[in-house]
Protein backbone atom coordinates (compact mmCIF):
# COMPACT_ATOMS: atom_id res chain seq x y z
CA MET A 1 185.91 37.35 -48.55
CA SER A 2 186.24 38.69 -45.04
CA SER A 3 189.56 39.61 -43.45
CA GLN A 4 189.07 36.48 -41.36
CA ALA A 5 189.28 34.25 -44.48
CA TRP A 6 192.04 33.52 -46.99
CA VAL A 7 192.74 31.23 -49.94
CA GLU A 8 195.29 28.44 -49.83
CA THR A 9 196.24 25.83 -52.40
CA LEU A 10 196.39 22.19 -51.33
CA TYR A 11 198.77 20.08 -53.41
CA ILE A 12 198.91 16.30 -53.43
CA ALA A 13 202.54 15.63 -54.33
CA PRO A 14 203.11 12.45 -56.33
CA GLY A 15 204.97 9.68 -54.57
CA HIS A 16 205.79 6.02 -55.11
CA CYS A 17 204.27 4.50 -51.96
CA GLU A 18 202.58 7.54 -50.47
CA CYS A 19 201.56 11.08 -51.37
CA ARG A 20 202.32 13.99 -49.11
CA VAL A 21 199.79 16.80 -49.05
CA TYR A 22 201.09 20.35 -48.80
CA ALA A 23 199.34 23.62 -48.01
CA MET A 24 200.57 26.67 -49.88
CA PRO A 25 199.57 30.01 -48.33
CA TYR A 26 198.45 31.43 -51.68
CA PRO A 27 196.31 30.53 -54.70
CA MET A 28 197.85 29.47 -58.00
CA ALA A 29 197.76 32.00 -60.82
CA PRO A 30 195.72 31.05 -63.90
CA ASN A 31 197.42 28.16 -65.74
CA GLN A 32 200.05 27.85 -63.01
CA THR A 33 200.89 24.52 -61.38
CA PRO A 34 202.79 23.78 -58.16
CA ALA A 35 205.76 22.65 -60.27
CA ASP A 36 206.05 26.25 -61.50
CA VAL A 37 206.77 27.53 -57.99
CA ALA A 38 210.47 28.15 -57.35
CA MET A 39 212.18 25.62 -55.09
CA ALA A 40 213.08 28.36 -52.60
CA HIS A 41 209.38 29.15 -52.16
CA GLN A 42 208.48 25.47 -51.94
CA LEU A 43 210.95 24.98 -49.11
CA HIS A 44 209.98 28.18 -47.30
CA ASP A 45 206.22 28.48 -47.87
CA TRP A 46 204.83 24.98 -48.26
CA ARG A 47 203.79 23.01 -45.19
CA GLU A 48 203.02 19.30 -45.08
CA ILE A 49 199.52 18.90 -43.66
CA ALA A 50 198.54 15.33 -44.56
CA LYS A 51 199.65 12.06 -46.11
CA LEU A 52 197.86 9.52 -48.31
CA ASP A 53 198.87 5.87 -48.57
CA ARG A 54 199.36 3.95 -51.83
CA ASP A 55 195.57 3.47 -52.09
CA HIS A 56 195.01 7.23 -51.59
CA ALA A 57 193.50 6.66 -48.15
CA LEU A 58 194.31 9.12 -45.39
CA VAL A 59 197.25 8.26 -43.14
CA TYR A 60 197.10 11.48 -41.12
CA ILE A 61 195.95 15.08 -41.42
CA GLU A 62 196.57 18.14 -39.28
CA PRO A 63 193.44 18.91 -37.25
CA GLY A 64 193.08 22.38 -38.77
CA TYR A 65 192.63 20.80 -42.20
CA ALA A 66 190.35 17.90 -41.20
CA ASP A 67 187.33 19.61 -42.81
CA PHE A 68 189.04 19.09 -46.18
CA THR A 69 189.43 15.31 -45.75
CA PRO A 70 186.66 14.48 -48.27
CA ASP A 71 188.38 16.76 -50.82
CA ILE A 72 191.80 15.14 -50.29
CA VAL A 73 191.08 11.41 -49.96
CA GLY A 74 191.19 9.56 -53.27
CA ARG A 75 192.95 12.34 -55.19
CA GLN A 76 195.79 11.38 -57.45
CA GLY A 77 199.31 12.62 -56.86
CA GLY A 78 200.04 15.76 -58.84
CA SER A 79 196.60 17.30 -58.34
CA HIS A 80 195.95 20.58 -56.56
CA PHE A 81 192.94 22.69 -55.61
CA GLU A 82 192.14 25.88 -53.76
CA VAL A 83 190.39 26.06 -50.41
CA ILE A 84 189.07 28.93 -48.36
CA ARG A 85 190.38 28.90 -44.80
CA HIS A 86 188.75 30.76 -41.93
CA ALA A 87 190.32 31.99 -38.72
CA ALA A 88 189.42 29.85 -35.75
């Protein structure tokens, strides 16, 4: 991977009426889940980048993450996956 690219984890947080989607500036370790990340890191490192409605349809997404819309839409709350980001 070039110095212009990095790995992030996208996490679809479970919610009752909507799911917020967070970007974490690091990959998960093997067998690690977002719930394993300390609350201090969640508050400091995670950034909300999108939201899904109760039908898992996109409500909004930050423009820099729009390329990942097909990967996000329809996902269940509690799921996460890694993406490779590239400098603009």
